[in-house]
């Protein structure tokens, strides 16, 4: 294969070198992105240390995944009418989602399937909706997102299923939103309000 033709291939299509010598040779032949170079060098540094093996992500079967986060037996007040009172900020839910997605073997697709079950008719929640919600910052940023509401219900069911007490943040949020009942999930926090003065 000619180096010129190979350089046009995407970096993701080029297989990872197995030795440092191959890495150096490939770097001469191909236009490698800095990310691939750093990743490959780091892999060689870790694997060259005696007694240290790179960690492999534990595989989790679909049955284990489903069982661990199966909350279908737990029902919340207002769940059948999609009106469960929400008592966590958007930022807190984003933290919980990020922690869930770091679990070995658990994917975003699996998470979306689980949170969709919190709706009475199992609404389909697209990955774009979740990613849009995760990209926001602020206590009420993304408060009308279906990903926010469904994730809150999902994590609340897990908390109840595990028999865990309410977090300090949760108790503070209940006090803060006591007059309204819960976080408003119908009116966007970014919606402008106009005041007419005379």
C-alpha atoms as a PDB file:
ATOM      1  CA  UNK A   1       0.000   0.000   0.000  1.00  0.00           C
ATOM      2  CA  UNK A   2       1.330   3.426  -0.917  1.00  0.00           C
ATOM      3  CA  UNK A   3       1.755   5.883   1.968  1.00  0.00           C
ATOM      4  CA  UNK A   4      -0.111   8.587   0.026  1.00  0.00           C
ATOM      5  CA  UNK A   5      -3.204   6.398  -0.346  1.00  0.00           C
ATOM      6  CA  UNK A   6      -3.042   5.273   3.259  1.00  0.00           C
ATOM      7  CA  UNK A   7      -2.829   8.835   4.549  1.00  0.00           C
ATOM      8  CA  UNK A   8      -6.293   9.533   3.135  1.00  0.00           C
ATOM      9  CA  UNK A   9      -7.860   6.860   5.370  1.00  0.00           C
ATOM     10  CA  UNK A  10      -9.617   8.015   8.495  1.00  0.00           C
ATOM     11  CA  UNK A  11      -7.590   7.616  11.675  1.00  0.00           C
ATOM     12  CA  UNK A  12     -10.353   5.421  13.149  1.00  0.00           C
ATOM     13  CA  UNK A  13      -9.985   2.961  10.238  1.00  0.00           C
ATOM     14  CA  UNK A  14      -6.273   2.385  10.904  1.00  0.00           C
ATOM     15  CA  UNK A  15      -5.603  -0.463  13.308  1.00  0.00           C
ATOM     16  CA  UNK A  16      -3.673   0.257  16.499  1.00  0.00           C
ATOM     17  CA  UNK A  17      -0.013  -0.770  16.385  1.00  0.00           C
ATOM     18  CA  UNK A  18       1.003  -3.579  18.742  1.00  0.00           C
ATOM     19  CA  UNK A  19       4.623  -2.520  19.315  1.00  0.00           C
ATOM     20  CA  UNK A  20       6.393   0.803  19.759  1.00  0.00           C
ATOM     21  CA  UNK A  21       8.457   0.143  16.628  1.00  0.00           C
ATOM     22  CA  UNK A  22       5.277  -0.332  14.576  1.00  0.00           C
ATOM     23  CA  UNK A  23       3.883   2.891  16.032  1.00  0.00           C
ATOM     24  CA  UNK A  24       6.981   4.845  14.964  1.00  0.00           C
ATOM     25  CA  UNK A  25       6.892   3.251  11.501  1.00  0.00           C
ATOM     26  CA  UNK A  26       3.201   4.040  11.089  1.00  0.00           C
ATOM     27  CA  UNK A  27       3.734   7.633  12.215  1.00  0.00           C
ATOM     28  CA  UNK A  28       6.219   8.045   9.361  1.00  0.00           C
ATOM     29  CA  UNK A  29       3.808   6.559   6.806  1.00  0.00           C
ATOM     30  CA  UNK A  30       0.487   8.049   7.915  1.00  0.00           C
ATOM     31  CA  UNK A  31      -0.867  11.393   9.010  1.00  0.00           C
ATOM     32  CA  UNK A  32      -1.873  10.468  12.541  1.00  0.00           C
ATOM     33  CA  UNK A  33      -4.012  12.654  14.723  1.00  0.00           C
ATOM     34  CA  UNK A  34      -2.472  13.746  18.019  1.00  0.00           C
ATOM     35  CA  UNK A  35      -5.221  11.920  19.958  1.00  0.00           C
ATOM     36  CA  UNK A  36      -4.276   8.555  18.462  1.00  0.00           C
ATOM     37  CA  UNK A  37      -0.567   9.168  19.061  1.00  0.00           C
ATOM     38  CA  UNK A  38      -1.136  10.097  22.725  1.00  0.00           C
ATOM     39  CA  UNK A  39      -3.506   7.162  23.280  1.00  0.00           C
ATOM     40  CA  UNK A  40      -1.073   4.695  21.715  1.00  0.00           C
ATOM     41  CA  UNK A  41       1.964   6.032  23.604  1.00  0.00           C
ATOM     42  CA  UNK A  42       0.034   5.916  26.901  1.00  0.00           C
ATOM     43  CA  UNK A  43      -0.947   2.308  26.172  1.00  0.00           C
ATOM     44  CA  UNK A  44       2.695   1.356  25.595  1.00  0.00           C
ATOM     45  CA  UNK A  45       3.863   3.139  28.750  1.00  0.00           C
ATOM     46  CA  UNK A  46       1.283   1.336  30.907  1.00  0.00           C
ATOM     47  CA  UNK A  47       1.831  -2.075  29.309  1.00  0.00           C
ATOM     48  CA  UNK A  48       5.641  -1.811  29.530  1.00  0.00           C
ATOM     49  CA  UNK A  49       5.611  -1.480  33.338  1.00  0.00           C
ATOM     50  CA  UNK A  50       6.218  -4.811  35.055  1.00  0.00           C
ATOM     51  CA  UNK A  51       3.216  -6.204  36.898  1.00  0.00           C
ATOM     52  CA  UNK A  52       0.797  -3.557  35.619  1.00  0.00           C
ATOM     53  CA  UNK A  53      -1.840  -4.636  33.161  1.00  0.00           C
ATOM     54  CA  UNK A  54      -4.265  -2.229  31.501  1.00  0.00           C
ATOM     55  CA  UNK A  55      -7.726  -2.464  33.020  1.00  0.00           C
ATOM     56  CA  UNK A  56     -10.383  -4.063  30.882  1.00  0.00           C
ATOM     57  CA  UNK A  57     -13.940  -2.853  31.163  1.00  0.00           C
ATOM     58  CA  UNK A  58     -16.024  -5.540  32.818  1.00  0.00           C
ATOM     59  CA  UNK A  59     -18.660  -6.994  30.528  1.00  0.00           C
ATOM     60  CA  UNK A  60     -22.187  -7.036  31.845  1.00  0.00           C
ATOM     61  CA  UNK A  61     -24.812  -9.252  30.240  1.00  0.00           C
ATOM     62  CA  UNK A  62     -28.086  -7.704  29.109  1.00  0.00           C
ATOM     63  CA  UNK A  63     -29.913  -9.775  31.720  1.00  0.00           C
ATOM     64  CA  UNK A  64     -27.656  -8.453  34.525  1.00  0.00           C
ATOM     65  CA  UNK A  65     -28.036  -4.905  33.198  1.00  0.00           C
ATOM     66  CA  UNK A  66     -31.819  -5.189  33.100  1.00  0.00           C
ATOM     67  CA  UNK A  67     -31.993  -6.758  36.565  1.00  0.00           C
ATOM     68  CA  UNK A  68     -29.745  -4.173  38.248  1.00  0.00           C
ATOM     69  CA  UNK A  69     -31.850  -1.229  37.152  1.00  0.00           C
ATOM     70  CA  UNK A  70     -35.285  -2.845  36.886  1.00  0.00           C
ATOM     71  CA  UNK A  71     -37.546  -0.473  38.808  1.00  0.00           C
ATOM     72  CA  UNK A  72     -40.825  -1.459  37.147  1.00  0.00           C
ATOM     73  CA  UNK A  73     -42.248  -2.848  40.416  1.00  0.00           C
ATOM     74  CA  UNK A  74     -41.902   0.545  42.159  1.00  0.00           C
ATOM     75  CA  UNK A  75     -44.717   3.020  41.507  1.00  0.00           C
ATOM     76  CA  UNK A  76     -44.634   6.718  42.430  1.00  0.00           C
ATOM     77  CA  UNK A  77     -47.552   9.066  43.107  1.00  0.00           C
ATOM     78  CA  UNK A  78     -48.414  10.872  39.882  1.00  0.00           C
ATOM     79  CA  UNK A  79     -46.545   8.433  37.645  1.00  0.00           C
ATOM     80  CA  UNK A  80     -49.632   7.331  35.694  1.00  0.00           C
ATOM     81  CA  UNK A  81     -50.388  10.971  34.804  1.00  0.00           C
ATOM     82  CA  UNK A  82     -46.757  12.049  34.236  1.00  0.00           C
ATOM     83  CA  UNK A  83     -46.980  14.395  37.215  1.00  0.00           C
ATOM     84  CA  UNK A  84     -44.466  13.021  39.731  1.00  0.00           C
ATOM     85  CA  UNK A  85     -43.220  15.978  41.833  1.00  0.00           C
ATOM     86  CA  UNK A  86     -39.567  16.621  40.912  1.00  0.00           C
ATOM     87  CA  UNK A  87     -37.224  17.540  43.781  1.00  0.00           C
ATOM     88  CA  UNK A  88     -33.747  17.482  42.215  1.00  0.00           C
ATOM     89  CA  UNK A  89     -32.108  20.277  40.239  1.00  0.00           C
ATOM     90  CA  UNK A  90     -31.219  19.722  36.595  1.00  0.00           C
ATOM     91  CA  UNK A  91     -27.509  19.819  37.502  1.00  0.00           C
ATOM     92  CA  UNK A  92     -28.027  17.104  40.142  1.00  0.00           C
ATOM     93  CA  UNK A  93     -29.789  14.870  37.605  1.00  0.00           C
ATOM     94  CA  UNK A  94     -26.964  15.464  35.107  1.00  0.00           C
ATOM     95  CA  UNK A  95     -24.469  14.253  37.760  1.00  0.00           C
ATOM     96  CA  UNK A  96     -26.552  11.124  38.370  1.00  0.00           C
ATOM     97  CA  UNK A  97     -26.801  10.383  34.640  1.00  0.00           C
ATOM     98  CA  UNK A  98     -23.028  10.789  34.209  1.00  0.00           C
ATOM     99  CA  UNK A  99     -22.404   8.427  37.137  1.00  0.00           C
ATOM    100  CA  UNK A 100     -24.826   5.864  35.660  1.00  0.00           C
ATOM    101  CA  UNK A 101     -23.140   6.004  32.251  1.00  0.00           C
ATOM    102  CA  UNK A 102     -19.737   5.353  33.892  1.00  0.00           C
ATOM    103  CA  UNK A 103     -21.002   1.991  35.245  1.00  0.00           C
ATOM    104  CA  UNK A 104     -19.161  -0.868  33.484  1.00  0.00           C
ATOM    105  CA  UNK A 105     -21.158  -2.218  30.557  1.00  0.00           C
ATOM    106  CA  UNK A 106     -24.024   0.271  30.804  1.00  0.00           C
ATOM    107  CA  UNK A 107     -24.728   2.269  27.674  1.00  0.00           C
ATOM    108  CA  UNK A 108     -26.608   5.420  26.808  1.00  0.00           C
ATOM    109  CA  UNK A 109     -29.037   3.355  24.716  1.00  0.00           C
ATOM    110  CA  UNK A 110     -29.804   1.105  27.705  1.00  0.00           C
ATOM    111  CA  UNK A 111     -30.302   4.170  29.906  1.00  0.00           C
ATOM    112  CA  UNK A 112     -32.731   5.698  27.398  1.00  0.00           C
ATOM    113  CA  UNK A 113     -34.730   2.458  27.293  1.00  0.00           C
ATOM    114  CA  UNK A 114     -34.981   2.392  31.098  1.00  0.00           C
ATOM    115  CA  UNK A 115     -36.039   6.017  31.557  1.00  0.00           C
ATOM    116  CA  UNK A 116     -38.614   5.702  28.753  1.00  0.00           C
ATOM    117  CA  UNK A 117     -40.401   3.125  30.937  1.00  0.00           C
ATOM    118  CA  UNK A 118     -41.192   5.855  33.480  1.00  0.00           C
ATOM    119  CA  UNK A 119     -43.812   7.235  31.091  1.00  0.00           C
ATOM    120  CA  UNK A 120     -47.201   5.449  31.157  1.00  0.00           C
ATOM    121  CA  UNK A 121     -47.067   4.844  27.401  1.00  0.00           C
ATOM    122  CA  UNK A 122     -43.282   4.203  27.313  1.00  0.00           C
ATOM    123  CA  UNK A 123     -42.423   7.323  25.367  1.00  0.00           C
ATOM    124  CA  UNK A 124     -39.355   7.016  23.129  1.00  0.00           C
ATOM    125  CA  UNK A 125     -36.634   9.410  24.264  1.00  0.00           C
ATOM    126  CA  UNK A 126     -34.047  10.135  21.571  1.00  0.00           C
ATOM    127  CA  UNK A 127     -30.322  10.340  22.319  1.00  0.00           C
ATOM    128  CA  UNK A 128     -30.360  13.930  20.970  1.00  0.00           C
ATOM    129  CA  UNK A 129     -32.846  14.918  23.700  1.00  0.00           C
ATOM    130  CA  UNK A 130     -30.573  13.410  26.355  1.00  0.00           C
ATOM    131  CA  UNK A 131     -27.415  14.973  24.885  1.00  0.00           C
ATOM    132  CA  UNK A 132     -29.094  18.391  24.655  1.00  0.00           C
ATOM    133  CA  UNK A 133     -30.084  18.103  28.321  1.00  0.00           C
ATOM    134  CA  UNK A 134     -26.591  16.968  29.366  1.00  0.00           C
ATOM    135  CA  UNK A 135     -24.961  19.874  27.516  1.00  0.00           C
ATOM    136  CA  UNK A 136     -26.824  22.503  29.561  1.00  0.00           C
ATOM    137  CA  UNK A 137     -25.618  24.036  32.831  1.00  0.00           C
ATOM    138  CA  UNK A 138     -27.666  25.513  35.626  1.00  0.00           C
ATOM    139  CA  UNK A 139     -30.067  24.384  38.331  1.00  0.00           C
ATOM    140  CA  UNK A 140     -33.141  24.794  36.107  1.00  0.00           C
ATOM    141  CA  UNK A 141     -31.522  24.639  32.639  1.00  0.00           C
ATOM    142  CA  UNK A 142     -33.371  21.882  30.782  1.00  0.00           C
ATOM    143  CA  UNK A 143     -36.289  21.701  33.239  1.00  0.00           C
ATOM    144  CA  UNK A 144     -38.833  20.943  30.477  1.00  0.00           C
ATOM    145  CA  UNK A 145     -36.779  18.139  28.905  1.00  0.00           C
ATOM    146  CA  UNK A 146     -38.374  14.699  28.897  1.00  0.00           C
ATOM    147  CA  UNK A 147     -34.893  13.369  29.748  1.00  0.00           C
ATOM    148  CA  UNK A 148     -34.919  15.443  32.970  1.00  0.00           C
ATOM    149  CA  UNK A 149     -38.346  14.299  34.161  1.00  0.00           C
ATOM    150  CA  UNK A 150     -37.865  10.632  33.204  1.00  0.00           C
ATOM    151  CA  UNK A 151     -34.363  10.500  34.719  1.00  0.00           C
ATOM    152  CA  UNK A 152     -35.616  11.996  37.980  1.00  0.00           C
ATOM    153  CA  UNK A 153     -38.392   9.382  38.227  1.00  0.00           C
ATOM    154  CA  UNK A 154     -35.931   6.593  37.347  1.00  0.00           C
ATOM    155  CA  UNK A 155     -33.345   7.638  39.963  1.00  0.00           C
ATOM    156  CA  UNK A 156     -36.044   8.211  42.594  1.00  0.00           C
ATOM    157  CA  UNK A 157     -37.264   4.649  42.039  1.00  0.00           C
ATOM    158  CA  UNK A 158     -33.706   3.340  42.398  1.00  0.00           C
ATOM    159  CA  UNK A 159     -33.302   5.313  45.650  1.00  0.00           C
ATOM    160  CA  UNK A 160     -36.522   3.862  47.046  1.00  0.00           C
ATOM    161  CA  UNK A 161     -35.658   0.352  45.836  1.00  0.00           C
ATOM    162  CA  UNK A 162     -32.251   0.550  47.539  1.00  0.00           C
ATOM    163  CA  UNK A 163     -33.873   1.900  50.720  1.00  0.00           C
ATOM    164  CA  UNK A 164     -31.602   4.960  50.748  1.00  0.00           C
ATOM    165  CA  UNK A 165     -32.563   8.154  52.605  1.00  0.00           C
ATOM    166  CA  UNK A 166     -33.079  11.487  50.835  1.00  0.00           C
ATOM    167  CA  UNK A 167     -29.856  13.359  50.125  1.00  0.00           C
ATOM    168  CA  UNK A 168     -29.126  16.730  51.729  1.00  0.00           C
ATOM    169  CA  UNK A 169     -29.544  18.344  48.295  1.00  0.00           C
ATOM    170  CA  UNK A 170     -32.933  16.689  47.890  1.00  0.00           C
ATOM    171  CA  UNK A 171     -34.141  17.952  51.282  1.00  0.00           C
ATOM    172  CA  UNK A 172     -32.953  21.491  50.459  1.00  0.00           C
ATOM    173  CA  UNK A 173     -34.767  21.360  47.113  1.00  0.00           C
ATOM    174  CA  UNK A 174     -37.999  20.250  48.813  1.00  0.00           C
ATOM    175  CA  UNK A 175     -37.793  23.293  51.120  1.00  0.00           C
ATOM    176  CA  UNK A 176     -36.907  25.640  48.266  1.00  0.00           C
ATOM    177  CA  UNK A 177     -39.809  24.483  46.073  1.00  0.00           C
ATOM    178  CA  UNK A 178     -42.327  23.944  48.902  1.00  0.00           C
ATOM    179  CA  UNK A 179     -44.605  26.804  47.800  1.00  0.00           C
ATOM    180  CA  UNK A 180     -44.757  25.560  44.171  1.00  0.00           C
ATOM    181  CA  UNK A 181     -44.900  21.873  45.144  1.00  0.00           C
ATOM    182  CA  UNK A 182     -41.914  20.857  43.008  1.00  0.00           C
ATOM    183  CA  UNK A 183     -39.615  22.017  40.225  1.00  0.00           C
ATOM    184  CA  UNK A 184     -41.671  23.346  37.293  1.00  0.00           C
ATOM    185  CA  UNK A 185     -41.240  20.899  34.401  1.00  0.00           C
ATOM    186  CA  UNK A 186     -43.820  22.566  32.126  1.00  0.00           C
ATOM    187  CA  UNK A 187     -42.523  26.152  31.784  1.00  0.00           C
ATOM    188  CA  UNK A 188     -39.009  26.599  30.426  1.00  0.00           C
ATOM    189  CA  UNK A 189     -36.625  28.419  32.758  1.00  0.00           C
ATOM    190  CA  UNK A 190     -35.152  30.176  29.709  1.00  0.00           C
ATOM    191  CA  UNK A 191     -38.525  31.550  28.594  1.00  0.00           C
ATOM    192  CA  UNK A 192     -38.521  35.370  28.601  1.00  0.00           C
ATOM    193  CA  UNK A 193     -41.083  37.218  30.703  1.00  0.00           C
ATOM    194  CA  UNK A 194     -42.427  40.625  29.745  1.00  0.00           C
ATOM    195  CA  UNK A 195     -43.697  43.218  32.151  1.00  0.00           C
ATOM    196  CA  UNK A 196     -45.906  46.086  31.031  1.00  0.00           C
ATOM    197  CA  UNK A 197     -45.387  49.206  33.150  1.00  0.00           C
ATOM    198  CA  UNK A 198     -47.654  52.236  33.044  1.00  0.00           C
END
